[in-house]
N, C-alpha and C. Protein backbone atom coordinates (compact mmCIF):
# COMPACT_ATOMS: atom_id res chain seq x y z
N UNK A 1 0.95 -1.12 -0.27
CA UNK A 1 0.10 0.04 -0.06
C UNK A 1 1.10 1.07 -0.10
N UNK A 2 0.78 2.17 -0.81
CA UNK A 2 1.41 3.36 -0.98
C UNK A 2 1.00 4.34 0.13
N UNK A 3 2.33 4.85 0.70
CA UNK A 3 2.02 6.00 2.05
C UNK A 3 1.19 6.91 1.40
N UNK A 4 0.71 7.58 2.24
CA UNK A 4 0.35 9.13 1.81
C UNK A 4 1.44 10.08 1.90
N UNK A 5 1.19 11.24 0.91
CA UNK A 5 2.30 12.13 0.77
C UNK A 5 2.17 13.16 1.85
N UNK A 6 3.59 13.62 2.16
CA UNK A 6 3.56 14.72 3.39
C UNK A 6 2.51 15.70 2.98
N UNK A 7 2.14 16.20 3.98
CA UNK A 7 1.26 17.42 3.81
C UNK A 7 1.25 18.52 4.96
N UNK A 8 0.97 19.79 4.57
CA UNK A 8 1.40 21.14 5.41
C UNK A 8 -0.27 20.93 6.10
N UNK A 9 -0.44 20.96 7.24
CA UNK A 9 -1.45 21.39 8.10
C UNK A 9 -1.06 23.08 8.81
N UNK A 10 -1.97 23.75 7.82
CA UNK A 10 -1.76 25.25 8.00
C UNK A 10 -2.55 25.75 9.50
N UNK A 11 -1.49 26.71 10.06
CA UNK A 11 -2.00 27.14 11.47
C UNK A 11 -3.56 27.96 11.15
N UNK A 12 -3.76 28.39 9.73
CA UNK A 12 -5.35 29.38 9.71
C UNK A 12 -6.46 28.07 9.65
N UNK A 13 -6.00 26.88 9.65
CA UNK A 13 -7.02 25.78 9.27
C UNK A 13 -6.99 24.97 10.68
N UNK A 14 -6.23 25.12 11.62
CA UNK A 14 -6.50 24.23 12.66
C UNK A 14 -7.88 24.49 13.32
N UNK A 15 -8.53 23.16 13.68
CA UNK A 15 -9.93 23.30 14.53
C UNK A 15 -9.80 23.62 15.88
N UNK A 16 -10.44 24.63 15.97
CA UNK A 16 -10.89 25.54 17.59
C UNK A 16 -11.81 24.65 18.28
N UNK A 17 -11.61 24.31 19.67
CA UNK A 17 -12.71 23.70 20.15
C UNK A 17 -12.63 23.86 21.83
N UNK A 18 -13.85 23.94 22.58
CA UNK A 18 -13.84 24.20 23.78
C UNK A 18 -12.71 23.06 24.99
N UNK A 19 -12.40 23.40 25.68
CA UNK A 19 -11.69 22.32 26.83
C UNK A 19 -12.62 21.60 27.24
N UNK A 20 -12.03 20.34 27.46
CA UNK A 20 -13.22 19.36 28.17
C UNK A 20 -13.65 19.94 29.43
N UNK A 21 -12.82 20.66 30.20
CA UNK A 21 -13.29 21.19 31.42
C UNK A 21 -13.90 22.55 31.34
N UNK A 22 -14.16 22.81 30.02
CA UNK A 22 -14.68 23.97 30.02
C UNK A 22 -14.12 25.34 30.06
N UNK A 23 -12.96 25.48 30.60
CA UNK A 23 -12.32 26.42 31.05
C UNK A 23 -11.41 27.21 30.12
N UNK A 24 -11.45 26.62 28.90
CA UNK A 24 -10.68 27.66 27.67
C UNK A 24 -10.64 27.13 26.36
N UNK A 25 -9.96 27.42 25.48
CA UNK A 25 -10.09 26.82 24.28
C UNK A 25 -8.51 26.34 23.76
N UNK A 26 -9.06 25.33 22.99
CA UNK A 26 -7.93 24.50 22.32
C UNK A 26 -7.90 24.56 20.86
N UNK A 27 -6.68 24.61 20.21
CA UNK A 27 -6.46 24.81 18.89
C UNK A 27 -5.95 23.25 18.53
N UNK A 28 -6.75 22.41 17.81
CA UNK A 28 -6.29 21.00 17.67
C UNK A 28 -5.54 21.30 16.08
N UNK A 29 -4.26 20.41 16.38
CA UNK A 29 -3.33 20.78 15.04
C UNK A 29 -3.82 19.37 14.13
N UNK A 30 -3.87 18.31 14.86
CA UNK A 30 -4.00 17.13 14.13
C UNK A 30 -4.39 15.98 15.17
N UNK A 31 -5.24 14.80 14.59
CA UNK A 31 -5.87 14.01 15.64
C UNK A 31 -6.03 12.72 14.63
N UNK A 32 -5.89 11.55 15.26
CA UNK A 32 -6.05 10.16 14.81
C UNK A 32 -6.77 9.05 15.68
N UNK A 33 -8.12 8.77 15.23
CA UNK A 33 -8.34 8.84 13.51
C UNK A 33 -8.90 9.99 13.62
N UNK A 34 -9.00 10.51 12.27
CA UNK A 34 -9.46 11.77 11.91
C UNK A 34 -10.77 12.22 12.24
N UNK A 35 -10.98 13.19 12.85
CA UNK A 35 -12.47 13.78 13.03
C UNK A 35 -12.88 12.70 14.62
N UNK A 36 -11.92 12.23 15.20
CA UNK A 36 -12.40 11.69 16.30
C UNK A 36 -12.63 12.67 17.56
N UNK A 37 -13.56 12.42 18.58
CA UNK A 37 -13.79 13.14 19.90
C UNK A 37 -12.77 12.99 20.79
N UNK A 38 -12.76 13.74 21.86
CA UNK A 38 -12.21 13.66 22.85
C UNK A 38 -11.78 12.31 23.49
N UNK A 39 -13.00 11.50 23.42
CA UNK A 39 -12.97 10.12 24.06
C UNK A 39 -12.83 9.12 23.30
N UNK A 40 -12.22 9.68 22.02
CA UNK A 40 -12.19 8.38 21.04
C UNK A 40 -10.90 8.23 20.28
N UNK A 41 -9.88 9.33 20.62
CA UNK A 41 -8.68 9.68 19.83
C UNK A 41 -7.79 8.71 20.19
N UNK A 42 -6.91 8.03 19.31
CA UNK A 42 -5.77 7.44 19.37
C UNK A 42 -4.64 8.27 19.80
N UNK A 43 -4.56 9.53 19.04
CA UNK A 43 -3.27 10.46 19.42
C UNK A 43 -3.68 11.69 18.98
N UNK A 44 -3.31 12.85 19.63
CA UNK A 44 -3.67 14.00 19.43
C UNK A 44 -2.92 15.02 19.62
N UNK A 45 -2.72 16.06 18.86
CA UNK A 45 -1.81 17.05 18.83
C UNK A 45 -2.53 18.58 18.97
N UNK A 46 -2.18 19.33 19.83
CA UNK A 46 -3.12 20.78 20.30
C UNK A 46 -2.25 21.81 20.66
N UNK A 47 -2.83 22.78 20.59
CA UNK A 47 -2.09 23.89 21.27
C UNK A 47 -3.26 24.64 22.14
N UNK A 48 -2.97 25.37 23.33
CA UNK A 48 -4.08 25.87 24.21
C UNK A 48 -3.41 27.07 24.64
N UNK A 49 -3.97 28.11 24.77
CA UNK A 49 -4.10 29.38 25.38
C UNK A 49 -4.51 29.10 27.02
N UNK A 50 -3.59 29.37 28.05
CA UNK A 50 -3.79 29.16 29.23
C UNK A 50 -3.85 30.61 29.99
N UNK A 51 -5.15 31.60 30.37
CA UNK A 51 -5.04 32.60 30.85
C UNK A 51 -5.27 32.80 32.28
N UNK A 52 -5.37 31.86 33.13
CA UNK A 52 -5.70 31.69 34.78
C UNK A 52 -5.35 30.74 35.10
N UNK A 53 -5.16 30.47 36.28
CA UNK A 53 -4.61 29.31 37.06
C UNK A 53 -5.69 28.48 37.14
N UNK A 54 -5.92 27.16 37.09
CA UNK A 54 -6.85 26.36 37.29
C UNK A 54 -6.26 24.90 36.98
N UNK A 55 -7.37 23.79 37.14
CA UNK A 55 -7.10 22.29 37.05
C UNK A 55 -7.05 21.97 35.61
N UNK A 56 -6.14 20.85 35.28
CA UNK A 56 -5.87 20.32 33.80
C UNK A 56 -7.67 19.44 33.88
N UNK A 57 -7.83 19.28 32.72
CA UNK A 57 -8.92 18.45 32.03
C UNK A 57 -8.24 17.09 32.17
N UNK A 58 -8.96 16.03 32.83
CA UNK A 58 -8.42 14.61 33.24
C UNK A 58 -8.90 14.01 31.87
N UNK A 59 -7.83 13.13 31.23
CA UNK A 59 -8.17 12.16 30.17
C UNK A 59 -7.87 10.81 30.83
N UNK A 60 -8.63 9.83 31.02
CA UNK A 60 -8.02 8.32 31.47
C UNK A 60 -7.78 7.65 30.63
N UNK A 61 -6.51 7.00 30.69
CA UNK A 61 -5.92 6.12 29.89
C UNK A 61 -5.01 6.53 28.84
N UNK A 62 -4.70 8.50 29.22
CA UNK A 62 -3.69 8.92 28.02
C UNK A 62 -2.52 9.45 28.76
N UNK A 63 -1.57 9.49 27.92
CA UNK A 63 -0.16 9.72 28.28
C UNK A 63 -0.24 11.19 27.55
N UNK A 64 0.44 12.25 28.15
CA UNK A 64 0.64 13.68 27.33
C UNK A 64 2.13 14.08 27.57
N UNK A 65 2.33 15.16 27.11
CA UNK A 65 3.73 15.81 26.86
C UNK A 65 3.40 17.21 26.62
N UNK A 66 3.88 18.17 27.38
CA UNK A 66 3.45 19.46 27.60
C UNK A 66 4.92 20.45 27.07
N UNK A 67 4.85 20.99 26.27
CA UNK A 67 5.76 21.95 26.30
C UNK A 67 5.30 23.76 26.18
N UNK A 68 5.95 24.80 26.43
CA UNK A 68 5.33 25.92 26.56
C UNK A 68 5.90 26.44 25.09
N UNK A 69 5.20 27.12 24.28
CA UNK A 69 5.54 27.92 23.08
C UNK A 69 5.84 29.26 23.18
N UNK A 70 4.81 30.03 24.24
CA UNK A 70 5.04 31.67 24.63
C UNK A 70 4.78 31.77 26.07
N UNK A 71 4.94 32.84 26.47
CA UNK A 71 4.75 33.35 27.68
C UNK A 71 5.86 33.24 28.74
N UNK A 72 5.52 33.65 29.70
CA UNK A 72 6.57 33.75 30.98
C UNK A 72 6.77 32.12 31.67
N UNK A 73 5.84 31.72 32.12
CA UNK A 73 6.15 30.21 32.62
C UNK A 73 4.69 29.90 33.30
N UNK A 74 4.74 28.39 33.78
CA UNK A 74 3.57 27.88 34.45
C UNK A 74 4.31 26.91 35.24
N UNK A 75 3.66 26.94 36.30
CA UNK A 75 4.01 25.95 37.42
C UNK A 75 2.96 24.66 37.41
N UNK A 76 3.09 23.63 37.39
CA UNK A 76 2.20 22.42 37.28
C UNK A 76 2.58 21.66 38.50
N UNK A 77 1.46 21.64 39.11
CA UNK A 77 1.42 20.52 40.34
C UNK A 77 0.56 19.15 39.73
N UNK A 78 1.62 18.01 39.96
CA UNK A 78 0.89 17.05 39.34
C UNK A 78 1.04 16.18 40.25
N UNK A 79 -0.35 15.20 40.43
CA UNK A 79 -0.19 14.11 41.34
C UNK A 79 0.79 13.22 41.23
N UNK A 80 1.46 12.68 42.42
CA UNK A 80 2.79 11.66 42.15
C UNK A 80 3.91 12.27 41.50
N UNK A 81 3.88 13.17 41.09
CA UNK A 81 5.18 13.68 40.44
C UNK A 81 5.63 15.27 41.16
N UNK A 82 4.69 15.59 41.78
CA UNK A 82 5.16 17.30 42.65
C UNK A 82 5.20 18.31 41.62
N UNK A 83 5.85 19.36 41.83
CA UNK A 83 5.65 20.81 41.08
C UNK A 83 6.72 20.59 39.99
N UNK A 84 6.72 21.20 38.82
CA UNK A 84 7.18 21.49 37.62
C UNK A 84 7.14 22.80 37.16
N UNK A 85 7.89 23.39 36.89
CA UNK A 85 8.08 24.91 36.48
C UNK A 85 8.22 24.56 34.72
N UNK A 86 7.57 25.06 33.96
CA UNK A 86 7.79 25.18 32.31
C UNK A 86 8.06 26.45 32.28
N UNK A 87 8.76 26.78 31.32
CA UNK A 87 9.09 28.13 30.58
C UNK A 87 9.58 27.51 29.19
N UNK A 88 9.24 28.32 28.06
CA UNK A 88 9.58 28.26 26.74
C UNK A 88 11.05 27.51 26.32
N UNK A 89 12.20 27.53 27.25
CA UNK A 89 13.46 27.04 27.12
C UNK A 89 13.37 25.86 27.87
N UNK A 90 12.32 25.20 28.37
CA UNK A 90 12.27 23.98 28.94
C UNK A 90 12.35 22.67 28.06
N UNK A 91 12.73 21.46 28.56
CA UNK A 91 12.56 20.28 28.05
C UNK A 91 11.13 20.21 28.18
N UNK A 92 10.45 19.47 26.89
CA UNK A 92 8.81 19.09 27.42
C UNK A 92 8.86 17.95 28.56
N UNK A 93 7.66 18.27 29.04
CA UNK A 93 7.52 17.38 30.51
C UNK A 93 6.37 16.28 30.01
N UNK A 94 6.67 14.90 30.28
CA UNK A 94 5.63 13.73 29.95
C UNK A 94 5.16 13.83 31.31
N UNK A 95 3.91 13.42 31.42
CA UNK A 95 3.16 13.16 32.46
C UNK A 95 1.87 12.23 32.23
N UNK A 96 1.15 11.52 33.28
CA UNK A 96 0.00 10.75 32.77
C UNK A 96 -1.11 12.03 32.71
N UNK A 97 -1.82 12.03 31.91
CA UNK A 97 -3.18 13.08 31.54
C UNK A 97 -4.24 12.73 32.43
N UNK A 98 -4.13 11.30 33.16
CA UNK A 98 -5.13 11.16 34.36
C UNK A 98 -4.82 11.31 35.58
N UNK A 99 -3.78 11.73 35.89
CA UNK A 99 -3.46 12.24 37.25
C UNK A 99 -4.02 13.68 37.54
N UNK A 100 -4.30 14.04 38.73
CA UNK A 100 -5.07 15.20 39.03
C UNK A 100 -3.76 16.32 38.65
N UNK A 101 -4.05 17.22 38.10
CA UNK A 101 -3.02 18.46 37.77
C UNK A 101 -3.47 19.99 37.61
N UNK A 102 -2.75 20.56 38.14
CA UNK A 102 -3.11 22.14 38.39
C UNK A 102 -2.22 22.88 37.92
N UNK A 103 -2.52 24.12 37.37
CA UNK A 103 -1.36 25.06 36.79
C UNK A 103 -1.86 26.01 37.43
N UNK A 104 -0.38 26.91 37.70
CA UNK A 104 -0.41 28.58 38.29
C UNK A 104 0.52 29.32 37.26
N UNK A 105 -0.21 30.08 36.84
CA UNK A 105 1.05 31.10 35.58
C UNK A 105 1.69 31.85 36.77
N UNK A 106 3.16 32.00 36.35
CA UNK A 106 3.97 32.86 36.86
C UNK A 106 4.09 34.09 36.35
N UNK A 107 3.31 34.50 35.22
CA UNK A 107 3.47 35.87 34.61
C UNK A 107 2.71 36.11 33.51
N UNK A 108 1.62 35.88 33.79
CA UNK A 108 0.52 36.17 32.63
C UNK A 108 -0.10 34.88 31.73
N UNK A 109 -0.79 35.14 30.77
CA UNK A 109 -0.93 34.37 29.76
C UNK A 109 -0.17 33.54 28.97
N UNK A 110 0.26 32.13 28.99
CA UNK A 110 0.84 31.17 28.15
C UNK A 110 0.13 30.53 27.04
N UNK A 111 1.14 29.92 26.14
CA UNK A 111 0.28 29.18 25.04
C UNK A 111 1.44 27.96 24.99
N UNK A 112 0.64 26.78 24.96
CA UNK A 112 1.10 25.52 25.24
C UNK A 112 0.90 24.58 24.07
N UNK A 113 1.85 23.46 24.02
CA UNK A 113 1.59 22.56 22.97
C UNK A 113 1.73 21.34 23.68
N UNK A 114 0.71 20.69 23.14
CA UNK A 114 0.24 19.48 23.88
C UNK A 114 0.39 17.99 23.04
N UNK A 115 0.86 17.12 23.43
CA UNK A 115 0.87 15.80 22.76
C UNK A 115 0.44 14.70 23.52
N UNK A 116 -0.61 14.08 23.05
CA UNK A 116 -1.53 12.88 23.64
C UNK A 116 -1.40 11.65 22.95
N UNK A 117 -1.19 10.50 23.80
CA UNK A 117 -1.23 9.32 22.85
C UNK A 117 -2.08 8.33 24.28
N UNK A 118 -3.06 7.29 23.33
CA UNK A 118 -3.86 6.75 24.45
C UNK A 118 -2.90 5.20 24.78
N UNK A 119 -2.84 5.37 26.05
CA UNK A 119 -1.67 4.36 26.67
C UNK A 119 -1.78 3.12 26.19
N UNK A 120 -0.95 2.22 26.08
CA UNK A 120 -1.05 0.72 25.49
C UNK A 120 -1.31 0.56 24.21
N UNK A 121 -1.66 1.70 23.54
CA UNK A 121 -1.77 1.64 21.72
C UNK A 121 -0.87 2.33 20.90
N UNK A 122 -0.66 3.55 21.57
CA UNK A 122 0.74 4.70 21.24
C UNK A 122 1.46 4.80 22.18
N UNK A 123 2.71 5.67 21.46
CA UNK A 123 3.34 6.44 22.10
C UNK A 123 3.90 7.42 21.64
N UNK A 124 4.59 8.36 22.32
CA UNK A 124 4.78 9.59 21.42
C UNK A 124 6.28 10.21 22.06
N UNK A 125 6.66 10.91 21.09
CA UNK A 125 8.20 11.75 21.61
C UNK A 125 8.03 13.27 20.95
N UNK A 126 8.57 13.89 21.93
CA UNK A 126 8.54 15.33 21.64
C UNK A 126 9.83 16.08 21.97
N UNK A 127 10.31 16.67 20.77
CA UNK A 127 11.70 17.61 20.99
C UNK A 127 11.65 18.87 20.44
N UNK A 128 12.49 19.74 20.96
CA UNK A 128 12.54 20.95 19.94
C UNK A 128 13.82 20.78 19.38
N UNK A 129 13.68 21.24 18.05
CA UNK A 129 14.83 21.60 17.19
C UNK A 129 15.41 22.81 17.03
N UNK A 130 16.48 22.75 17.34
CA UNK A 130 17.37 24.17 17.51
C UNK A 130 18.08 24.50 16.14
N UNK A 131 18.36 25.79 15.44
CA UNK A 131 19.11 25.84 14.76
C UNK A 131 20.81 25.36 14.74
N UNK A 132 21.35 24.77 14.07
CA UNK A 132 22.43 24.13 14.40
C UNK A 132 22.37 22.83 15.05
N UNK A 133 21.21 22.22 15.19
CA UNK A 133 21.21 20.96 15.85
C UNK A 133 21.16 19.81 14.64
N UNK A 134 21.47 20.23 13.45
CA UNK A 134 21.88 18.94 12.50
C UNK A 134 20.65 19.15 11.39
N UNK A 135 20.67 18.99 10.07
CA UNK A 135 19.73 19.19 9.02
C UNK A 135 18.82 18.01 9.30
N UNK A 136 19.29 16.69 9.32
CA UNK A 136 18.22 15.57 9.18
C UNK A 136 17.62 15.40 10.49
N UNK A 137 16.26 15.14 10.02
CA UNK A 137 15.15 14.92 10.81
C UNK A 137 15.07 13.52 11.25
N UNK A 138 14.45 12.99 12.61
CA UNK A 138 14.52 11.62 13.01
C UNK A 138 13.11 11.30 12.53
N UNK A 139 12.58 10.55 11.49
CA UNK A 139 11.54 10.53 10.84
C UNK A 139 11.27 8.99 10.98
N UNK A 140 11.71 8.32 11.87
CA UNK A 140 11.59 6.79 11.70
C UNK A 140 10.58 6.30 12.84
N UNK A 141 9.26 6.88 12.72
CA UNK A 141 7.99 6.83 13.05
C UNK A 141 6.94 6.42 12.19
N UNK A 142 5.78 6.11 12.80
CA UNK A 142 4.57 5.55 12.14
C UNK A 142 4.32 7.21 11.69
N UNK A 143 3.94 8.38 12.46
CA UNK A 143 3.81 9.43 12.27
C UNK A 143 4.77 10.69 12.66
N UNK A 144 5.25 11.65 11.93
CA UNK A 144 6.08 12.32 12.18
C UNK A 144 5.54 13.73 11.94
N UNK A 145 5.58 14.61 13.00
CA UNK A 145 4.90 16.08 12.89
C UNK A 145 6.01 17.28 13.02
N UNK A 146 6.44 18.23 12.29
CA UNK A 146 7.20 19.49 12.34
C UNK A 146 6.26 20.45 12.74
N UNK A 147 6.23 21.05 13.91
CA UNK A 147 5.61 22.29 14.22
C UNK A 147 6.61 23.43 13.75
N UNK A 148 6.21 24.50 13.00
CA UNK A 148 7.15 25.39 12.96
C UNK A 148 7.12 26.60 13.91
N UNK A 149 8.18 27.19 14.61
CA UNK A 149 8.03 28.11 15.47
C UNK A 149 8.40 29.57 14.86
N UNK A 150 9.14 29.45 13.79
CA UNK A 150 9.21 30.53 12.43
C UNK A 150 9.45 29.98 11.26
N UNK A 151 9.36 30.89 10.09
CA UNK A 151 9.23 30.25 8.81
C UNK A 151 10.55 29.37 8.59
N UNK A 152 10.29 28.14 8.05
CA UNK A 152 11.02 26.87 7.82
C UNK A 152 10.75 26.28 6.58
N UNK A 153 11.82 25.85 5.87
CA UNK A 153 11.61 24.84 4.36
C UNK A 153 12.50 23.48 5.03
N UNK A 154 11.60 22.71 4.49
CA UNK A 154 11.65 21.45 4.76
C UNK A 154 11.63 20.68 3.73
N UNK A 155 12.95 19.62 3.18
CA UNK A 155 12.48 18.59 2.00
C UNK A 155 12.07 17.37 2.71
N UNK A 156 11.03 16.72 2.43
CA UNK A 156 10.43 15.35 3.01
C UNK A 156 9.80 14.69 1.61
N UNK A 157 10.72 13.43 1.72
CA UNK A 157 10.47 12.46 0.23
C UNK A 157 10.74 13.14 -0.50
N UNK A 158 11.47 13.54 -0.73
CA UNK A 158 11.76 14.70 -1.78
C UNK A 158 11.23 15.80 -2.63
N UNK A 159 10.44 16.15 -1.62
CA UNK A 159 9.47 17.40 -2.02
C UNK A 159 9.70 18.48 -1.01
N UNK A 160 9.98 19.71 -1.62
CA UNK A 160 10.28 21.03 -0.76
C UNK A 160 8.85 21.33 -0.21
N UNK A 161 8.96 21.72 1.22
CA UNK A 161 7.83 22.45 1.79
C UNK A 161 8.35 23.61 2.44
N UNK A 162 7.53 24.51 2.44
CA UNK A 162 7.44 25.87 3.28
C UNK A 162 6.71 26.01 4.42
N UNK A 163 7.18 26.02 5.59
CA UNK A 163 5.93 26.21 6.87
C UNK A 163 6.04 27.74 7.24
N UNK A 164 5.23 28.26 7.54
CA UNK A 164 4.95 29.58 8.35
C UNK A 164 4.70 29.27 9.67
N UNK A 165 4.82 30.21 10.47
CA UNK A 165 4.81 30.03 12.19
C UNK A 165 3.54 29.47 12.24
N UNK A 166 3.63 28.33 13.07
CA UNK A 166 2.80 27.54 13.68
C UNK A 166 2.33 26.38 12.84
N UNK A 167 2.76 26.39 11.35
CA UNK A 167 2.44 25.09 10.37
C UNK A 167 3.14 24.23 11.01
N UNK A 168 2.17 22.99 10.46
CA UNK A 168 2.73 21.87 10.93
C UNK A 168 2.92 20.89 9.39
N UNK A 169 4.22 20.42 9.41
CA UNK A 169 4.39 19.08 8.39
C UNK A 169 3.86 17.81 9.15
N UNK A 170 3.14 17.34 8.15
CA UNK A 170 2.53 15.77 9.00
C UNK A 170 2.96 14.66 7.76
N UNK A 171 3.68 13.63 8.04
CA UNK A 171 4.41 12.66 7.28
C UNK A 171 4.06 11.41 8.04
N UNK A 172 3.36 10.48 7.00
CA UNK A 172 2.75 9.11 7.92
C UNK A 172 3.91 8.06 7.16
N UNK A 173 4.46 7.20 7.80
CA UNK A 173 5.53 6.44 7.57
C UNK A 173 6.94 6.68 7.72
N UNK A 174 7.76 5.69 7.69
CA UNK A 174 9.39 6.12 7.61
C UNK A 174 9.70 6.76 6.43
N UNK A 175 9.92 8.14 6.29
CA UNK A 175 10.15 8.74 5.54
C UNK A 175 11.64 9.72 5.82
N UNK A 176 12.62 9.96 4.61
CA UNK A 176 13.59 10.86 5.30
C UNK A 176 12.99 12.29 5.04
N UNK A 177 13.72 13.15 5.84
CA UNK A 177 13.12 14.45 5.92
C UNK A 177 14.61 15.11 6.41
N UNK A 178 14.45 16.18 5.61
CA UNK A 178 15.96 16.96 6.07
C UNK A 178 15.44 18.72 6.19
N UNK A 179 15.71 19.50 6.86
CA UNK A 179 15.69 20.89 7.17
C UNK A 179 16.39 21.75 6.12
N UNK A 180 15.89 22.06 5.07
CA UNK A 180 16.74 22.80 4.17
C UNK A 180 17.36 24.02 4.53
N UNK A 181 16.97 25.00 5.19
CA UNK A 181 17.26 26.19 6.03
C UNK A 181 16.72 26.47 7.18
N UNK A 182 17.33 25.62 8.18
CA UNK A 182 17.05 25.86 9.52
C UNK A 182 17.27 27.36 10.29
N UNK A 183 16.30 28.08 9.97
CA UNK A 183 16.59 29.40 10.42
C UNK A 183 15.79 29.73 11.63
N UNK A 184 15.07 28.87 12.05
CA UNK A 184 14.14 29.16 13.17
C UNK A 184 13.75 27.79 14.18
N UNK A 185 13.59 27.78 15.45
CA UNK A 185 13.23 26.62 16.11
C UNK A 185 11.83 25.82 15.48
N UNK A 186 11.93 24.63 15.81
CA UNK A 186 10.78 23.76 15.18
C UNK A 186 10.60 22.88 16.55
N UNK A 187 9.37 22.33 16.88
CA UNK A 187 9.28 20.95 17.55
C UNK A 187 8.87 19.74 16.62
N UNK A 188 9.72 18.73 16.93
CA UNK A 188 9.19 17.33 16.45
C UNK A 188 9.06 16.31 17.11
N UNK A 189 7.80 15.84 16.71
CA UNK A 189 6.70 15.10 17.13
C UNK A 189 6.80 13.46 16.45
N UNK A 190 7.04 12.71 17.20
CA UNK A 190 7.01 11.19 16.60
C UNK A 190 5.99 10.20 17.38
N UNK A 191 5.48 9.96 16.51
CA UNK A 191 3.88 9.00 17.31
C UNK A 191 4.00 7.57 16.53
N UNK A 192 3.97 6.48 17.42
CA UNK A 192 4.24 5.15 16.75
C UNK A 192 3.04 4.19 17.54
N UNK A 193 2.51 3.49 16.53
CA UNK A 193 1.72 2.25 17.30
C UNK A 193 2.40 1.30 18.39
N UNK A 194 1.83 0.91 19.51
CA UNK A 194 2.49 0.12 20.29
C UNK A 194 2.48 -1.24 19.85
């Protein structure tokens, strides 16, 4: 079976939806299966603006990793894991989405990147790519997503792609991808079936 071609998920077309707990809005970047709801997804990549302190929505059976895209910082109190301060320079933080978690903003609203996978069926990785970290991307995953934090050019499966800020390149299957002109940071998300 032929693999789908890599495609750009433009930030202007990301789906907006209310938080599960009603406390804010999420921008859904990608979800599998496509068009699945919050109870039925296998994996999900989203961004959210957090404007006030409060609890996180609980997602039974889900593992999540969080990174800060913008803002001063957010302190998380995670059941069984203690306190963790996230700032934009922090390493992404993995934790169970079914652990009671509350957030305290340290200096105003923030925007986060949230990757979630259904435990036992899928697993994920999330890491930041910085200029000078090498042009070749780790794309040995069932799905690879590159979220651009600034304009970025990528060659994937021999085809050039140009990403604007917060655009995502989605690749299915194990494909070779190279950052053509690494002028800005990006997040690299790898998702695999277990």
